[in-house]
Amino acid sequence: MSEAPDPLDAAVGVRIRMRRTTMGLTQTQLGRALDLSMQQIQKYERGATRVSGRTLLRIAKELDCTVAWLVGEEETQDTPLMAQLMLPGADRLLEAYAALPNSELRTAVVKLVRSMAQPKNWISDGSDHDD
């Protein structure tokens, strides 16, 4: 069984992914710009591989942000959002949400998840894991 990513590496990866997708870049495009493979970018974004200082500088330059922002030392208004995006599975949920074809479905998903988030609706089925 593999170890969970270091929380700081995972946080840096989430920020890289968020900035890359905001800029409309694919992992392949970012990798090419940095002379890295798409798989290496993927490992950085998952937090599976620690980003070296030199590479972090290059990524920050390519993504037009600061290293301080990538490592979470530069305060921005998105800090609470970043904490939520670092939860296991949050990125997959957001991707699925974004892929929904219309606003009615997105609204229904938000209502469903909000309903499920209410403690009175919690029903234990014996499983305690994120998929």
Protein backbone atom coordinates (compact mmCIF):
# COMPACT_ATOMS: atom_id res chain seq x y z
CA MET A 1 0.00 0.00 0.00
CA SER A 2 1.40 3.42 -0.90
CA GLU A 3 1.85 6.20 1.62
CA ALA A 4 -0.46 9.18 1.56
CA PRO A 5 1.13 12.31 0.07
CA ASP A 6 2.73 14.76 2.45
CA PRO A 7 0.11 17.45 3.24
CA LEU A 8 2.37 20.26 2.01
CA ASP A 9 3.14 18.44 -1.24
CA ALA A 10 -0.58 17.79 -1.72
CA ALA A 11 -1.39 21.45 -1.03
CA VAL A 12 1.22 22.63 -3.54
CA GLY A 13 -0.18 20.15 -6.07
CA VAL A 14 -3.73 21.42 -5.61
CA ARG A 15 -2.55 24.99 -6.16
CA ILE A 16 -0.60 24.02 -9.29
CA ARG A 17 -3.64 22.24 -10.68
CA MET A 18 -6.01 25.07 -9.78
CA ARG A 19 -3.80 27.70 -11.40
CA ARG A 20 -3.12 25.53 -14.47
CA THR A 21 -6.81 24.85 -15.08
CA THR A 22 -7.72 28.49 -14.44
CA MET A 23 -5.27 29.42 -17.19
CA GLY A 24 -6.82 26.82 -19.51
CA LEU A 25 -3.68 24.71 -19.74
CA THR A 26 -3.59 20.94 -19.90
CA GLN A 27 -1.04 18.89 -18.00
CA THR A 28 0.59 18.13 -21.34
CA GLN A 29 0.87 21.82 -22.25
CA LEU A 30 2.37 22.74 -18.88
CA GLY A 31 4.74 19.79 -19.11
CA ARG A 32 5.94 20.82 -22.56
CA ALA A 33 6.52 24.40 -21.40
CA LEU A 34 8.65 23.06 -18.54
CA ASP A 35 10.29 20.26 -20.52
CA LEU A 36 8.57 17.70 -18.27
CA SER A 37 6.22 14.84 -19.05
CA MET A 38 2.49 15.03 -18.50
CA GLN A 39 2.93 12.18 -16.03
CA GLN A 40 5.39 14.24 -13.97
CA ILE A 41 2.95 17.16 -13.83
CA GLN A 42 0.27 14.68 -12.76
CA LYS A 43 2.51 13.38 -9.94
CA TYR A 44 3.17 16.93 -8.76
CA GLU A 45 -0.53 17.76 -8.78
CA ARG A 46 -1.42 14.62 -6.81
CA GLY A 47 1.33 15.37 -4.32
CA ALA A 48 2.91 12.00 -5.11
CA THR A 49 6.22 13.67 -6.00
CA ARG A 50 7.70 16.64 -4.18
CA VAL A 51 8.44 19.62 -6.43
CA SER A 52 12.06 20.77 -6.20
CA GLY A 53 12.78 24.42 -5.51
CA ARG A 54 14.11 24.98 -9.03
CA THR A 55 11.07 23.36 -10.62
CA LEU A 56 8.73 25.27 -8.32
CA LEU A 57 10.28 28.52 -9.54
CA ARG A 58 9.81 27.46 -13.16
CA ILE A 59 6.20 26.40 -12.54
CA ALA A 60 5.41 29.70 -10.81
CA LYS A 61 6.87 31.64 -13.73
CA GLU A 62 4.95 29.58 -16.29
CA LEU A 63 1.69 29.90 -14.32
CA ASP A 64 2.24 33.65 -13.75
CA CYS A 65 2.06 33.41 -9.96
CA THR A 66 4.49 33.50 -7.06
CA VAL A 67 6.19 30.59 -5.34
CA ALA A 68 4.75 31.99 -2.11
CA TRP A 69 1.24 31.52 -3.51
CA LEU A 70 2.02 27.98 -4.67
CA VAL A 71 3.22 26.98 -1.20
CA GLY A 72 0.36 28.75 0.58
CA GLU A 73 2.39 31.51 2.22
CA GLU A 74 0.85 34.35 0.26
CA GLU A 75 -2.51 35.19 1.74
CA THR A 76 -5.33 35.49 -0.72
CA GLN A 77 -9.09 35.48 -0.49
CA ASP A 78 -9.18 31.86 -1.66
CA THR A 79 -7.57 30.38 1.49
CA PRO A 80 -10.79 28.75 2.85
CA LEU A 81 -11.57 27.43 -0.63
CA MET A 82 -8.09 25.95 -0.93
CA ALA A 83 -8.56 24.08 2.36
CA GLN A 84 -11.77 22.58 1.01
CA LEU A 85 -10.18 21.67 -2.33
CA MET A 86 -7.46 19.76 -0.48
CA LEU A 87 -9.99 17.33 0.99
CA PRO A 88 -9.67 13.83 -0.49
CA GLY A 89 -11.94 13.49 -3.51
CA ALA A 90 -12.79 17.20 -3.75
CA ASP A 91 -11.03 17.55 -7.08
CA ARG A 92 -12.95 14.58 -8.53
CA LEU A 93 -16.24 15.98 -7.29
CA LEU A 94 -15.48 19.37 -8.81
CA GLU A 95 -14.49 17.81 -12.15
CA ALA A 96 -17.73 15.81 -12.27
CA TYR A 97 -19.74 18.90 -11.32
CA ALA A 98 -18.07 20.97 -14.04
CA ALA A 99 -18.81 18.26 -16.62
CA LEU A 100 -22.57 18.44 -16.02
CA PRO A 101 -24.25 19.74 -19.18
CA ASN A 102 -26.57 22.36 -17.67
CA SER A 103 -27.26 24.59 -14.69
CA GLU A 104 -30.35 22.62 -13.62
CA LEU A 105 -28.26 19.51 -13.03
CA ARG A 106 -25.56 21.51 -11.25
CA THR A 107 -28.21 23.06 -8.98
CA ALA A 108 -29.66 19.61 -8.23
CA VAL A 109 -26.20 18.29 -7.29
CA VAL A 110 -25.58 21.23 -4.94
CA LYS A 111 -28.96 20.66 -3.26
CA LEU A 112 -28.26 16.94 -2.91
CA VAL A 113 -24.81 17.44 -1.41
CA ARG A 114 -26.04 20.18 0.95
CA SER A 115 -28.82 17.88 2.09
CA MET A 116 -26.33 15.07 2.67
CA ALA A 117 -24.06 17.42 4.63
CA GLN A 118 -26.74 17.96 7.29
CA PRO A 119 -25.92 15.79 10.35
CA LYS A 120 -29.58 14.74 10.71
CA ASN A 121 -29.26 12.99 7.32
CA TRP A 122 -26.18 10.97 8.23
CA ILE A 123 -26.84 7.27 8.08
CA SER A 124 -24.02 4.88 8.82
CA ASP A 125 -23.65 1.99 6.39
CA GLY A 126 -20.53 0.70 8.09
CA SER A 127 -18.11 2.20 5.60
CA ASP A 128 -15.91 5.15 6.46
CA HIS A 129 -13.96 5.96 3.31
CA ASP A 130 -13.67 8.46 0.47
CA ASP A 131 -13.80 6.98 -3.03
